[in-house]
Amino acid sequence: MRSLVIFLLLSFSFTVLVGNDALDGQKPEAVKLDGDIEYTHDPSIAKDGDTWYLFATANGPVRKGELPIRCSQDLHHWRLCSYVFDKIPDWIKQESPNTKELWAPDISYFNGEYHLYYAFSVFGKNTSGIALLTNKTLNPSSPDFHWVDKGLVLRSRVEDNFNAIDPNLVIDEKGRPWLAFGSFWSGIKMRQIDPKTGLLSSENGKLYSLARLPGH
């Protein structure tokens, strides 16, 4: 887990320290990444079969879709495979008409499915939301490949003291999923997730505070 976190933090600064587990006991070394790596923002990665799939925010000047997916077989050479969405879903445009792009996709696997949490918002506002897609596989050539839109997971409004952006799914020692999220306002929050639906738990409605900075 530690090596994966290091990868996520450093990989798209063009040079990454590869962990021992990725090199089968060879000495770690700094390696160059190449291919379609420019403008990779908010990366989140998962492996399905022999391919790594990296989801990100589309921050480059060329916008052919929302939430681009980059693929690699070796974590070094990357290509832009596709986009999760051709455009922002209509229901999000209705919920948040000023949203111009989707942010910070977070990919995870539990309860037999891949879960992709992502955010929609307006920069500098906390009128935000986190939504969910699920898929049985990340391999687009599989007959089981199909993104299922589970819709809104949670949102924040002007009167709330938190911001529902930047989702990150974590699993605790008992196998329970939790969704951490937030930025500015009163800091980083967390809600428990129902593992069967991927949505908020109906049994635990508590909003947990994980971290905050003084002031705004």
N, C-alpha and C. Protein backbone atom coordinates (compact mmCIF):
# COMPACT_ATOMS: atom_id res chain seq x y z
N MET A 1 0.83 -1.20 0.00
CA MET A 1 0.00 0.00 0.00
C MET A 1 0.86 1.25 0.00
N ARG A 2 1.96 1.21 0.80
CA ARG A 2 2.82 2.38 0.87
C ARG A 2 3.43 2.71 -0.47
N SER A 3 3.89 1.67 -1.19
CA SER A 3 4.51 1.92 -2.50
C SER A 3 3.50 2.47 -3.48
N LEU A 4 2.23 2.04 -3.38
CA LEU A 4 1.20 2.55 -4.26
C LEU A 4 0.94 4.02 -3.99
N VAL A 5 0.89 4.40 -2.71
CA VAL A 5 0.68 5.80 -2.36
C VAL A 5 1.81 6.66 -2.89
N ILE A 6 3.06 6.17 -2.73
CA ILE A 6 4.22 6.91 -3.25
C ILE A 6 4.09 7.08 -4.75
N PHE A 7 3.65 6.01 -5.43
CA PHE A 7 3.47 6.10 -6.88
C PHE A 7 2.47 7.18 -7.25
N LEU A 8 1.35 7.20 -6.54
CA LEU A 8 0.32 8.17 -6.86
C LEU A 8 0.81 9.59 -6.65
N LEU A 9 1.62 9.79 -5.63
CA LEU A 9 2.09 11.13 -5.31
C LEU A 9 3.15 11.63 -6.28
N LEU A 10 3.99 10.73 -6.76
CA LEU A 10 5.16 11.16 -7.50
C LEU A 10 5.15 10.83 -8.98
N SER A 11 4.29 9.91 -9.41
CA SER A 11 4.45 9.35 -10.74
C SER A 11 4.36 10.37 -11.85
N PHE A 12 3.45 11.31 -11.75
CA PHE A 12 3.26 12.21 -12.88
C PHE A 12 4.00 13.52 -12.71
N SER A 13 5.11 13.47 -11.97
CA SER A 13 6.11 14.53 -12.01
C SER A 13 7.20 14.15 -13.00
N PHE A 14 6.90 13.17 -13.87
CA PHE A 14 7.75 12.68 -14.95
C PHE A 14 8.82 11.69 -14.48
N THR A 15 9.15 11.66 -13.19
CA THR A 15 10.10 10.69 -12.69
C THR A 15 9.51 10.04 -11.46
N VAL A 16 9.67 8.72 -11.35
CA VAL A 16 9.06 8.00 -10.23
C VAL A 16 10.07 7.01 -9.68
N LEU A 17 10.03 6.82 -8.37
CA LEU A 17 10.85 5.80 -7.74
C LEU A 17 10.04 4.52 -7.70
N VAL A 18 10.47 3.51 -8.42
CA VAL A 18 9.73 2.27 -8.51
C VAL A 18 10.07 1.40 -7.31
N GLY A 19 9.04 0.86 -6.64
CA GLY A 19 9.25 0.04 -5.44
C GLY A 19 9.77 -1.34 -5.77
N ASN A 20 10.30 -2.03 -4.76
CA ASN A 20 10.85 -3.36 -4.95
C ASN A 20 9.84 -4.35 -5.51
N ASP A 21 8.57 -4.22 -5.08
CA ASP A 21 7.57 -5.17 -5.53
C ASP A 21 7.33 -5.09 -7.02
N ALA A 22 7.50 -3.91 -7.61
CA ALA A 22 7.30 -3.75 -9.05
C ALA A 22 8.50 -4.23 -9.86
N LEU A 23 9.64 -4.41 -9.21
CA LEU A 23 10.87 -4.78 -9.92
C LEU A 23 11.32 -6.20 -9.60
N ASP A 24 10.47 -6.97 -8.89
CA ASP A 24 10.79 -8.37 -8.58
C ASP A 24 12.15 -8.51 -7.90
N GLY A 25 12.44 -7.68 -6.92
CA GLY A 25 13.67 -7.80 -6.16
C GLY A 25 14.84 -7.03 -6.69
N GLN A 26 14.70 -6.43 -7.87
CA GLN A 26 15.79 -5.63 -8.40
C GLN A 26 15.94 -4.34 -7.60
N LYS A 27 17.08 -3.73 -7.75
CA LYS A 27 17.34 -2.48 -7.04
C LYS A 27 16.44 -1.38 -7.57
N PRO A 28 15.72 -0.65 -6.67
CA PRO A 28 14.87 0.46 -7.14
C PRO A 28 15.71 1.52 -7.84
N GLU A 29 15.11 2.14 -8.84
CA GLU A 29 15.81 3.20 -9.56
C GLU A 29 14.78 4.20 -10.08
N ALA A 30 15.26 5.39 -10.36
CA ALA A 30 14.39 6.40 -10.93
C ALA A 30 14.21 6.10 -12.41
N VAL A 31 12.97 6.14 -12.89
CA VAL A 31 12.69 5.83 -14.29
C VAL A 31 11.87 6.96 -14.89
N LYS A 32 12.00 7.12 -16.18
CA LYS A 32 11.24 8.12 -16.91
C LYS A 32 9.90 7.53 -17.35
N LEU A 33 8.86 8.35 -17.28
CA LEU A 33 7.57 7.99 -17.84
C LEU A 33 7.44 8.65 -19.20
N ASP A 34 6.75 7.99 -20.11
CA ASP A 34 6.54 8.60 -21.42
C ASP A 34 5.17 8.24 -21.96
N GLY A 35 4.85 8.86 -23.07
CA GLY A 35 3.54 8.66 -23.68
C GLY A 35 2.60 9.80 -23.34
N ASP A 36 1.33 9.49 -23.21
CA ASP A 36 0.30 10.50 -22.96
C ASP A 36 0.19 10.81 -21.47
N ILE A 37 1.20 11.50 -20.95
CA ILE A 37 1.24 11.76 -19.50
C ILE A 37 1.01 13.23 -19.16
N GLU A 38 1.05 14.11 -20.15
CA GLU A 38 0.91 15.53 -19.86
C GLU A 38 -0.51 15.86 -19.40
N TYR A 39 -0.61 16.82 -18.49
CA TYR A 39 -1.89 17.29 -17.96
C TYR A 39 -2.64 16.21 -17.18
N THR A 40 -1.91 15.31 -16.53
CA THR A 40 -2.55 14.32 -15.68
C THR A 40 -2.70 14.88 -14.28
N HIS A 41 -3.91 15.18 -13.89
CA HIS A 41 -4.20 15.84 -12.62
C HIS A 41 -5.12 14.94 -11.79
N ASP A 42 -4.87 14.86 -10.49
CA ASP A 42 -5.68 14.05 -9.56
C ASP A 42 -5.69 12.58 -9.96
N PRO A 43 -4.53 11.94 -10.16
CA PRO A 43 -4.52 10.56 -10.65
C PRO A 43 -4.98 9.54 -9.61
N SER A 44 -5.69 8.52 -10.09
CA SER A 44 -6.08 7.37 -9.28
C SER A 44 -5.95 6.14 -10.16
N ILE A 45 -5.39 5.05 -9.61
CA ILE A 45 -4.98 3.94 -10.46
C ILE A 45 -5.49 2.60 -9.93
N ALA A 46 -5.78 1.68 -10.86
CA ALA A 46 -6.17 0.32 -10.51
C ALA A 46 -5.70 -0.61 -11.63
N LYS A 47 -5.51 -1.88 -11.28
CA LYS A 47 -5.09 -2.87 -12.27
C LYS A 47 -6.19 -3.89 -12.50
N ASP A 48 -6.44 -4.19 -13.77
CA ASP A 48 -7.40 -5.22 -14.15
C ASP A 48 -6.73 -6.07 -15.21
N GLY A 49 -6.56 -7.36 -14.93
CA GLY A 49 -5.82 -8.22 -15.85
C GLY A 49 -4.36 -7.80 -15.88
N ASP A 50 -3.82 -7.60 -17.09
CA ASP A 50 -2.42 -7.21 -17.23
C ASP A 50 -2.26 -5.72 -17.49
N THR A 51 -3.31 -4.94 -17.29
CA THR A 51 -3.28 -3.52 -17.63
C THR A 51 -3.58 -2.66 -16.42
N TRP A 52 -2.80 -1.58 -16.29
CA TRP A 52 -3.06 -0.55 -15.29
C TRP A 52 -3.92 0.54 -15.94
N TYR A 53 -4.95 0.95 -15.24
CA TYR A 53 -5.85 2.00 -15.73
C TYR A 53 -5.76 3.19 -14.77
N LEU A 54 -5.43 4.35 -15.32
CA LEU A 54 -5.27 5.55 -14.51
C LEU A 54 -6.33 6.58 -14.89
N PHE A 55 -7.11 6.98 -13.90
CA PHE A 55 -8.18 7.96 -14.09
C PHE A 55 -7.71 9.31 -13.58
N ALA A 56 -8.15 10.39 -14.24
CA ALA A 56 -7.66 11.71 -13.85
C ALA A 56 -8.66 12.78 -14.24
N THR A 57 -8.39 13.99 -13.75
CA THR A 57 -9.13 15.18 -14.18
C THR A 57 -8.58 15.65 -15.52
N ALA A 58 -9.45 16.07 -16.42
CA ALA A 58 -9.02 16.51 -17.75
C ALA A 58 -8.69 18.00 -17.72
N ASN A 59 -7.42 18.34 -17.43
CA ASN A 59 -7.04 19.74 -17.29
C ASN A 59 -6.28 20.30 -18.49
N GLY A 60 -6.10 19.53 -19.52
CA GLY A 60 -5.35 20.02 -20.67
C GLY A 60 -6.17 20.89 -21.59
N PRO A 61 -5.52 21.53 -22.58
CA PRO A 61 -6.23 22.41 -23.52
C PRO A 61 -7.14 21.66 -24.47
N VAL A 62 -6.86 20.37 -24.73
CA VAL A 62 -7.69 19.57 -25.62
C VAL A 62 -8.68 18.78 -24.76
N ARG A 63 -9.97 19.05 -24.95
CA ARG A 63 -11.00 18.41 -24.14
C ARG A 63 -11.93 17.62 -25.06
N LYS A 64 -11.70 16.32 -25.13
CA LYS A 64 -12.54 15.45 -25.94
C LYS A 64 -13.55 14.68 -25.10
N GLY A 65 -13.48 14.87 -23.80
CA GLY A 65 -14.39 14.17 -22.91
C GLY A 65 -14.07 14.51 -21.47
N GLU A 66 -14.75 13.85 -20.55
CA GLU A 66 -14.54 14.07 -19.13
C GLU A 66 -13.95 12.81 -18.48
N LEU A 67 -13.00 13.04 -17.57
CA LEU A 67 -12.33 11.98 -16.81
C LEU A 67 -11.58 11.02 -17.75
N PRO A 68 -10.45 11.46 -18.29
CA PRO A 68 -9.67 10.62 -19.20
C PRO A 68 -9.11 9.39 -18.50
N ILE A 69 -8.96 8.31 -19.28
CA ILE A 69 -8.39 7.06 -18.80
C ILE A 69 -7.11 6.79 -19.57
N ARG A 70 -6.00 6.62 -18.85
CA ARG A 70 -4.72 6.27 -19.46
C ARG A 70 -4.39 4.82 -19.10
N CYS A 71 -3.75 4.12 -20.03
CA CYS A 71 -3.48 2.69 -19.85
C CYS A 71 -1.99 2.41 -19.96
N SER A 72 -1.54 1.39 -19.22
CA SER A 72 -0.15 0.97 -19.28
C SER A 72 -0.03 -0.49 -18.86
N GLN A 73 0.92 -1.19 -19.47
CA GLN A 73 1.22 -2.56 -19.04
C GLN A 73 2.41 -2.63 -18.09
N ASP A 74 3.18 -1.53 -17.99
CA ASP A 74 4.40 -1.59 -17.19
C ASP A 74 4.58 -0.41 -16.23
N LEU A 75 3.59 0.47 -16.15
CA LEU A 75 3.63 1.66 -15.28
C LEU A 75 4.62 2.72 -15.78
N HIS A 76 5.25 2.50 -16.90
CA HIS A 76 6.21 3.45 -17.46
C HIS A 76 5.67 4.12 -18.72
N HIS A 77 5.14 3.32 -19.64
CA HIS A 77 4.68 3.80 -20.93
C HIS A 77 3.16 3.90 -20.90
N TRP A 78 2.65 5.09 -21.18
CA TRP A 78 1.22 5.36 -21.02
C TRP A 78 0.60 5.84 -22.33
N ARG A 79 -0.65 5.46 -22.54
CA ARG A 79 -1.39 5.97 -23.68
C ARG A 79 -2.80 6.36 -23.21
N LEU A 80 -3.33 7.37 -23.86
CA LEU A 80 -4.69 7.80 -23.55
C LEU A 80 -5.66 6.83 -24.22
N CYS A 81 -6.40 6.08 -23.41
CA CYS A 81 -7.27 5.03 -23.94
C CYS A 81 -8.66 5.54 -24.30
N SER A 82 -9.23 6.32 -23.40
CA SER A 82 -10.60 6.77 -23.62
C SER A 82 -10.96 7.79 -22.54
N TYR A 83 -12.22 8.16 -22.53
CA TYR A 83 -12.78 9.02 -21.49
C TYR A 83 -13.97 8.31 -20.85
N VAL A 84 -14.19 8.57 -19.58
CA VAL A 84 -15.35 7.97 -18.92
C VAL A 84 -16.63 8.53 -19.52
N PHE A 85 -16.68 9.85 -19.73
CA PHE A 85 -17.85 10.50 -20.30
C PHE A 85 -17.48 11.26 -21.57
N ASP A 86 -18.38 11.28 -22.53
CA ASP A 86 -18.21 12.17 -23.68
C ASP A 86 -18.45 13.62 -23.27
N LYS A 87 -19.35 13.81 -22.33
CA LYS A 87 -19.69 15.15 -21.84
C LYS A 87 -20.22 15.02 -20.42
N ILE A 88 -20.40 16.14 -19.76
CA ILE A 88 -20.96 16.13 -18.41
C ILE A 88 -22.39 15.59 -18.47
N PRO A 89 -22.75 14.63 -17.63
CA PRO A 89 -24.12 14.08 -17.65
C PRO A 89 -25.17 15.16 -17.46
N ASP A 90 -26.30 14.97 -18.10
CA ASP A 90 -27.38 15.95 -18.04
C ASP A 90 -27.86 16.20 -16.62
N TRP A 91 -27.91 15.14 -15.80
CA TRP A 91 -28.43 15.33 -14.44
C TRP A 91 -27.50 16.23 -13.62
N ILE A 92 -26.20 16.19 -13.91
CA ILE A 92 -25.26 17.07 -13.21
C ILE A 92 -25.43 18.51 -13.70
N LYS A 93 -25.64 18.69 -14.99
CA LYS A 93 -25.86 20.03 -15.51
C LYS A 93 -27.12 20.65 -14.90
N GLN A 94 -28.10 19.83 -14.59
CA GLN A 94 -29.31 20.33 -13.95
C GLN A 94 -29.05 20.66 -12.49
N GLU A 95 -28.28 19.81 -11.81
CA GLU A 95 -27.96 20.02 -10.40
C GLU A 95 -27.00 21.19 -10.20
N SER A 96 -26.06 21.33 -11.14
CA SER A 96 -25.01 22.34 -11.01
C SER A 96 -24.73 22.96 -12.37
N PRO A 97 -25.58 23.89 -12.83
CA PRO A 97 -25.47 24.43 -14.19
C PRO A 97 -24.13 25.09 -14.51
N ASN A 98 -23.43 25.58 -13.51
CA ASN A 98 -22.16 26.28 -13.75
C ASN A 98 -20.94 25.36 -13.77
N THR A 99 -21.14 24.08 -13.54
CA THR A 99 -20.03 23.13 -13.60
C THR A 99 -19.50 23.01 -15.02
N LYS A 100 -18.19 23.19 -15.17
CA LYS A 100 -17.55 23.15 -16.49
C LYS A 100 -16.77 21.87 -16.74
N GLU A 101 -16.40 21.17 -15.67
CA GLU A 101 -15.64 19.93 -15.81
C GLU A 101 -15.84 19.07 -14.57
N LEU A 102 -15.55 17.78 -14.71
CA LEU A 102 -15.64 16.84 -13.60
C LEU A 102 -14.26 16.64 -13.02
N TRP A 103 -14.20 16.42 -11.69
CA TRP A 103 -12.92 16.44 -10.98
C TRP A 103 -12.64 15.13 -10.25
N ALA A 104 -11.35 14.89 -10.07
CA ALA A 104 -10.79 13.98 -9.07
C ALA A 104 -11.45 12.61 -9.01
N PRO A 105 -11.43 11.84 -10.11
CA PRO A 105 -12.00 10.49 -10.05
C PRO A 105 -11.18 9.59 -9.13
N ASP A 106 -11.84 8.75 -8.39
CA ASP A 106 -11.17 7.83 -7.46
C ASP A 106 -11.68 6.42 -7.75
N ILE A 107 -10.78 5.54 -8.20
CA ILE A 107 -11.17 4.18 -8.57
C ILE A 107 -10.83 3.21 -7.44
N SER A 108 -11.77 2.31 -7.15
CA SER A 108 -11.56 1.29 -6.11
C SER A 108 -12.34 0.04 -6.50
N TYR A 109 -12.05 -1.05 -5.80
CA TYR A 109 -12.73 -2.32 -6.10
C TYR A 109 -13.20 -2.94 -4.80
N PHE A 110 -14.50 -3.16 -4.69
CA PHE A 110 -15.07 -3.89 -3.56
C PHE A 110 -16.43 -4.43 -3.95
N ASN A 111 -16.87 -5.45 -3.23
CA ASN A 111 -18.15 -6.11 -3.48
C ASN A 111 -18.30 -6.55 -4.93
N GLY A 112 -17.18 -7.01 -5.52
CA GLY A 112 -17.23 -7.58 -6.86
C GLY A 112 -17.33 -6.60 -8.00
N GLU A 113 -17.15 -5.30 -7.71
CA GLU A 113 -17.26 -4.29 -8.76
C GLU A 113 -16.22 -3.19 -8.57
N TYR A 114 -15.86 -2.54 -9.68
CA TYR A 114 -15.07 -1.32 -9.60
C TYR A 114 -16.01 -0.16 -9.32
N HIS A 115 -15.57 0.72 -8.43
CA HIS A 115 -16.35 1.90 -8.06
C HIS A 115 -15.54 3.14 -8.42
N LEU A 116 -16.14 4.02 -9.20
CA LEU A 116 -15.48 5.26 -9.58
C LEU A 116 -16.26 6.43 -8.99
N TYR A 117 -15.71 7.01 -7.93
CA TYR A 117 -16.29 8.21 -7.34
C TYR A 117 -15.63 9.43 -7.99
N TYR A 118 -16.41 10.48 -8.22
CA TYR A 118 -15.87 11.69 -8.83
C TYR A 118 -16.68 12.88 -8.34
N ALA A 119 -16.16 14.08 -8.55
CA ALA A 119 -16.79 15.29 -8.02
C ALA A 119 -17.20 16.24 -9.13
N PHE A 120 -18.24 17.02 -8.83
CA PHE A 120 -18.60 18.16 -9.69
C PHE A 120 -18.77 19.38 -8.80
N SER A 121 -18.36 20.53 -9.30
CA SER A 121 -18.39 21.73 -8.46
C SER A 121 -18.18 22.96 -9.35
N VAL A 122 -17.97 24.09 -8.70
CA VAL A 122 -17.56 25.34 -9.33
C VAL A 122 -16.39 25.86 -8.53
N PHE A 123 -15.32 26.26 -9.18
CA PHE A 123 -14.10 26.62 -8.47
C PHE A 123 -14.37 27.71 -7.44
N GLY A 124 -13.91 27.48 -6.20
CA GLY A 124 -14.06 28.45 -5.14
C GLY A 124 -15.39 28.40 -4.41
N LYS A 125 -16.29 27.49 -4.83
CA LYS A 125 -17.60 27.35 -4.20
C LYS A 125 -17.71 25.99 -3.51
N ASN A 126 -18.57 25.90 -2.51
CA ASN A 126 -18.80 24.60 -1.90
C ASN A 126 -20.16 24.04 -2.28
N THR A 127 -20.74 24.56 -3.36
CA THR A 127 -21.96 23.97 -3.92
C THR A 127 -21.53 22.81 -4.82
N SER A 128 -21.17 21.71 -4.19
CA SER A 128 -20.47 20.61 -4.86
C SER A 128 -21.20 19.29 -4.64
N GLY A 129 -20.80 18.29 -5.40
CA GLY A 129 -21.37 16.96 -5.24
C GLY A 129 -20.38 15.88 -5.60
N ILE A 130 -20.58 14.71 -5.03
CA ILE A 130 -19.79 13.52 -5.36
C ILE A 130 -20.75 12.47 -5.91
N ALA A 131 -20.40 11.91 -7.05
CA ALA A 131 -21.26 10.92 -7.72
C ALA A 131 -20.49 9.61 -7.90
N LEU A 132 -21.20 8.58 -8.36
CA LEU A 132 -20.62 7.24 -8.43
C LEU A 132 -21.00 6.55 -9.74
N LEU A 133 -19.99 5.88 -10.32
CA LEU A 133 -20.18 4.94 -11.42
C LEU A 133 -19.64 3.58 -10.98
N THR A 134 -20.24 2.50 -11.45
CA THR A 134 -19.70 1.17 -11.18
C THR A 134 -19.52 0.42 -12.49
N ASN A 135 -18.63 -0.57 -12.46
CA ASN A 135 -18.35 -1.37 -13.63
C ASN A 135 -17.81 -2.72 -13.17
N LYS A 136 -18.15 -3.78 -13.87
CA LYS A 136 -17.66 -5.11 -13.51
C LYS A 136 -16.21 -5.30 -13.93
N THR A 137 -15.77 -4.52 -14.91
CA THR A 137 -14.39 -4.63 -15.42
C THR A 137 -13.94 -3.28 -15.92
N LEU A 138 -12.62 -3.11 -16.03
CA LEU A 138 -12.06 -1.90 -16.62
C LEU A 138 -11.59 -2.14 -18.05
N ASN A 139 -11.70 -3.36 -18.50
CA ASN A 139 -11.27 -3.73 -19.85
C ASN A 139 -12.37 -3.43 -20.86
N PRO A 140 -12.19 -2.41 -21.71
CA PRO A 140 -13.27 -2.02 -22.63
C PRO A 140 -13.60 -3.07 -23.68
N SER A 141 -12.72 -4.05 -23.90
CA SER A 141 -12.99 -5.10 -24.87
C SER A 141 -13.80 -6.26 -24.28
N SER A 142 -14.03 -6.22 -22.97
CA SER A 142 -14.81 -7.28 -22.32
C SER A 142 -16.30 -7.07 -22.56
N PRO A 143 -17.06 -8.15 -22.74
CA PRO A 143 -18.51 -8.00 -22.89
C PRO A 143 -19.19 -7.50 -21.62
N ASP A 144 -18.49 -7.58 -20.48
CA ASP A 144 -19.05 -7.11 -19.22
C ASP A 144 -18.77 -5.63 -18.96
N PHE A 145 -18.05 -4.98 -19.88
CA PHE A 145 -17.69 -3.58 -19.67
C PHE A 145 -18.89 -2.69 -19.89
N HIS A 146 -19.29 -1.99 -18.84
CA HIS A 146 -20.40 -1.04 -18.93
C HIS A 146 -20.43 -0.19 -17.67
N TRP A 147 -20.33 1.12 -17.83
CA TRP A 147 -20.41 2.02 -16.68
C TRP A 147 -21.88 2.20 -16.29
N VAL A 148 -22.18 1.93 -15.03
CA VAL A 148 -23.53 2.11 -14.50
C VAL A 148 -23.53 3.37 -13.65
N ASP A 149 -24.35 4.32 -13.99
CA ASP A 149 -24.43 5.59 -13.28
C ASP A 149 -25.31 5.42 -12.04
N LYS A 150 -24.69 5.46 -10.87
CA LYS A 150 -25.42 5.34 -9.61
C LYS A 150 -25.87 6.70 -9.09
N GLY A 151 -25.50 7.76 -9.80
CA GLY A 151 -25.98 9.08 -9.44
C GLY A 151 -25.26 9.70 -8.26
N LEU A 152 -25.99 10.58 -7.58
CA LEU A 152 -25.42 11.38 -6.49
C LEU A 152 -25.19 10.55 -5.24
N VAL A 153 -24.00 10.69 -4.65
CA VAL A 153 -23.68 10.04 -3.38
C VAL A 153 -23.92 11.02 -2.23
N LEU A 154 -23.35 12.20 -2.32
CA LEU A 154 -23.57 13.25 -1.33
C LEU A 154 -23.25 14.59 -1.96
N ARG A 155 -23.75 15.66 -1.33
CA ARG A 155 -23.44 16.98 -1.83
C ARG A 155 -23.32 17.96 -0.69
N SER A 156 -22.74 19.11 -1.00
CA SER A 156 -22.62 20.20 -0.03
C SER A 156 -23.26 21.44 -0.63
N ARG A 157 -23.82 22.27 0.25
CA ARG A 157 -24.50 23.49 -0.17
C ARG A 157 -23.86 24.68 0.51
N VAL A 158 -24.30 25.88 0.14
CA VAL A 158 -23.72 27.11 0.68
C VAL A 158 -23.76 27.12 2.20
N GLU A 159 -24.83 26.61 2.78
CA GLU A 159 -24.97 26.65 4.24
C GLU A 159 -24.13 25.59 4.96
N ASP A 160 -23.53 24.66 4.24
CA ASP A 160 -22.69 23.63 4.87
C ASP A 160 -21.30 24.18 5.17
N ASN A 161 -20.64 23.56 6.14
CA ASN A 161 -19.29 23.99 6.52
C ASN A 161 -18.22 23.07 5.93
N PHE A 162 -18.56 22.34 4.86
CA PHE A 162 -17.59 21.46 4.20
C PHE A 162 -17.82 21.53 2.71
N ASN A 163 -16.90 20.92 1.95
CA ASN A 163 -16.97 20.93 0.50
C ASN A 163 -16.90 19.50 -0.02
N ALA A 164 -17.92 19.07 -0.72
CA ALA A 164 -18.00 17.69 -1.19
C ALA A 164 -17.25 17.51 -2.51
N ILE A 165 -15.91 17.54 -2.42
CA ILE A 165 -15.06 17.29 -3.59
C ILE A 165 -13.94 16.33 -3.20
N ASP A 166 -13.15 15.93 -4.18
CA ASP A 166 -11.95 15.10 -3.97
C ASP A 166 -12.25 13.83 -3.17
N PRO A 167 -13.13 12.96 -3.66
CA PRO A 167 -13.45 11.73 -2.93
C PRO A 167 -12.29 10.75 -2.92
N ASN A 168 -12.19 9.99 -1.84
CA ASN A 168 -11.20 8.92 -1.74
C ASN A 168 -11.79 7.79 -0.91
N LEU A 169 -11.91 6.62 -1.52
CA LEU A 169 -12.51 5.46 -0.87
C LEU A 169 -11.45 4.67 -0.11
N VAL A 170 -11.74 4.36 1.14
CA VAL A 170 -10.83 3.55 1.95
C VAL A 170 -11.61 2.39 2.58
N ILE A 171 -10.93 1.29 2.82
CA ILE A 171 -11.52 0.12 3.46
C ILE A 171 -10.85 -0.09 4.81
N ASP A 172 -11.65 -0.24 5.87
CA ASP A 172 -11.05 -0.41 7.19
C ASP A 172 -10.72 -1.87 7.45
N GLU A 173 -10.20 -2.16 8.65
CA GLU A 173 -9.73 -3.51 8.97
C GLU A 173 -10.86 -4.53 9.03
N LYS A 174 -12.10 -4.06 9.13
CA LYS A 174 -13.25 -4.96 9.14
C LYS A 174 -13.89 -5.10 7.76
N GLY A 175 -13.25 -4.52 6.74
CA GLY A 175 -13.76 -4.61 5.40
C GLY A 175 -14.86 -3.63 5.07
N ARG A 176 -15.06 -2.63 5.90
CA ARG A 176 -16.11 -1.63 5.67
C ARG A 176 -15.57 -0.47 4.83
N PRO A 177 -16.29 -0.07 3.79
CA PRO A 177 -15.85 1.07 2.97
C PRO A 177 -16.26 2.41 3.58
N TRP A 178 -15.38 3.39 3.45
CA TRP A 178 -15.62 4.75 3.91
C TRP A 178 -15.19 5.71 2.81
N LEU A 179 -15.87 6.83 2.72
CA LEU A 179 -15.52 7.84 1.72
C LEU A 179 -15.01 9.09 2.42
N ALA A 180 -13.72 9.39 2.19
CA ALA A 180 -13.13 10.63 2.69
C ALA A 180 -13.22 11.67 1.58
N PHE A 181 -13.41 12.94 1.95
CA PHE A 181 -13.58 13.99 0.96
C PHE A 181 -13.38 15.35 1.62
N GLY A 182 -13.30 16.40 0.80
CA GLY A 182 -13.30 17.75 1.34
C GLY A 182 -12.08 18.57 0.96
N SER A 183 -12.21 19.87 1.15
CA SER A 183 -11.13 20.81 0.90
C SER A 183 -11.57 22.17 1.39
N PHE A 184 -10.66 22.92 2.04
CA PHE A 184 -10.98 24.24 2.59
C PHE A 184 -12.19 24.14 3.54
N TRP A 185 -12.91 25.22 3.72
CA TRP A 185 -14.01 25.27 4.67
C TRP A 185 -13.55 24.63 5.99
N SER A 186 -14.27 23.67 6.52
CA SER A 186 -13.87 23.11 7.82
C SER A 186 -13.02 21.85 7.69
N GLY A 187 -12.51 21.56 6.50
CA GLY A 187 -11.51 20.50 6.37
C GLY A 187 -11.99 19.21 5.74
N ILE A 188 -11.27 18.12 6.06
CA ILE A 188 -11.50 16.82 5.46
C ILE A 188 -12.51 16.03 6.28
N LYS A 189 -13.50 15.49 5.61
CA LYS A 189 -14.59 14.76 6.26
C LYS A 189 -14.62 13.30 5.80
N MET A 190 -15.51 12.52 6.43
CA MET A 190 -15.65 11.12 6.05
C MET A 190 -17.06 10.64 6.37
N ARG A 191 -17.60 9.80 5.48
CA ARG A 191 -18.89 9.15 5.69
C ARG A 191 -18.75 7.66 5.42
N GLN A 192 -19.53 6.86 6.13
CA GLN A 192 -19.52 5.43 5.90
C GLN A 192 -20.35 5.09 4.66
N ILE A 193 -19.88 4.10 3.90
CA ILE A 193 -20.50 3.69 2.65
C ILE A 193 -21.15 2.31 2.80
N ASP A 194 -22.29 2.13 2.20
CA ASP A 194 -22.95 0.82 2.14
C ASP A 194 -22.22 -0.02 1.09
N PRO A 195 -21.60 -1.14 1.46
CA PRO A 195 -20.83 -1.90 0.48
C PRO A 195 -21.67 -2.50 -0.63
N LYS A 196 -22.96 -2.68 -0.41
CA LYS A 196 -23.82 -3.28 -1.43
C LYS A 196 -24.22 -2.28 -2.51
N THR A 197 -24.40 -1.03 -2.12
CA THR A 197 -24.85 -0.02 -3.08
C THR A 197 -23.75 0.94 -3.51
N GLY A 198 -22.72 1.10 -2.68
CA GLY A 198 -21.69 2.09 -2.93
C GLY A 198 -22.12 3.49 -2.54
N LEU A 199 -23.34 3.64 -2.07
CA LEU A 199 -23.86 4.92 -1.64
C LEU A 199 -23.70 5.08 -0.13
N LEU A 200 -24.18 6.17 0.43
CA LEU A 200 -24.02 6.40 1.86
C LEU A 200 -24.75 5.34 2.68
N SER A 201 -24.15 4.97 3.80
CA SER A 201 -24.75 4.00 4.68
C SER A 201 -26.02 4.56 5.32
N SER A 202 -27.08 3.78 5.33
CA SER A 202 -28.31 4.18 5.99
C SER A 202 -28.26 3.87 7.49
N GLU A 203 -27.28 3.08 7.90
CA GLU A 203 -27.15 2.70 9.30
C GLU A 203 -26.27 3.65 10.09
N ASN A 204 -25.42 4.39 9.39
CA ASN A 204 -24.51 5.32 10.06
C ASN A 204 -24.51 6.63 9.28
N GLY A 205 -25.22 7.61 9.78
CA GLY A 205 -25.33 8.89 9.11
C GLY A 205 -24.41 9.96 9.64
N LYS A 206 -23.43 9.55 10.46
CA LYS A 206 -22.54 10.53 11.08
C LYS A 206 -21.53 11.08 10.08
N LEU A 207 -21.33 12.40 10.13
CA LEU A 207 -20.28 13.05 9.35
C LEU A 207 -19.05 13.19 10.24
N TYR A 208 -17.99 12.45 9.92
CA TYR A 208 -16.76 12.45 10.72
C TYR A 208 -15.81 13.53 10.22
N SER A 209 -15.15 14.22 11.11
CA SER A 209 -14.12 15.20 10.77
C SER A 209 -12.76 14.56 10.96
N LEU A 210 -11.96 14.55 9.90
CA LEU A 210 -10.64 13.90 9.95
C LEU A 210 -9.51 14.90 10.18
N ALA A 211 -9.59 16.06 9.55
CA ALA A 211 -8.49 17.02 9.65
C ALA A 211 -8.98 18.40 9.25
N ARG A 212 -8.37 19.43 9.82
CA ARG A 212 -8.71 20.80 9.45
C ARG A 212 -7.53 21.71 9.71
N LEU A 213 -7.53 22.85 9.04
CA LEU A 213 -6.53 23.88 9.28
C LEU A 213 -7.18 25.05 10.01
N PRO A 214 -6.42 25.81 10.78
CA PRO A 214 -6.99 27.00 11.43
C PRO A 214 -7.53 27.97 10.40
N GLY A 215 -8.63 28.61 10.72
CA GLY A 215 -9.20 29.56 9.79
C GLY A 215 -9.89 28.88 8.65
N HIS A 216 -9.90 29.53 7.47
CA HIS A 216 -10.62 28.99 6.31
C HIS A 216 -9.78 27.91 5.67
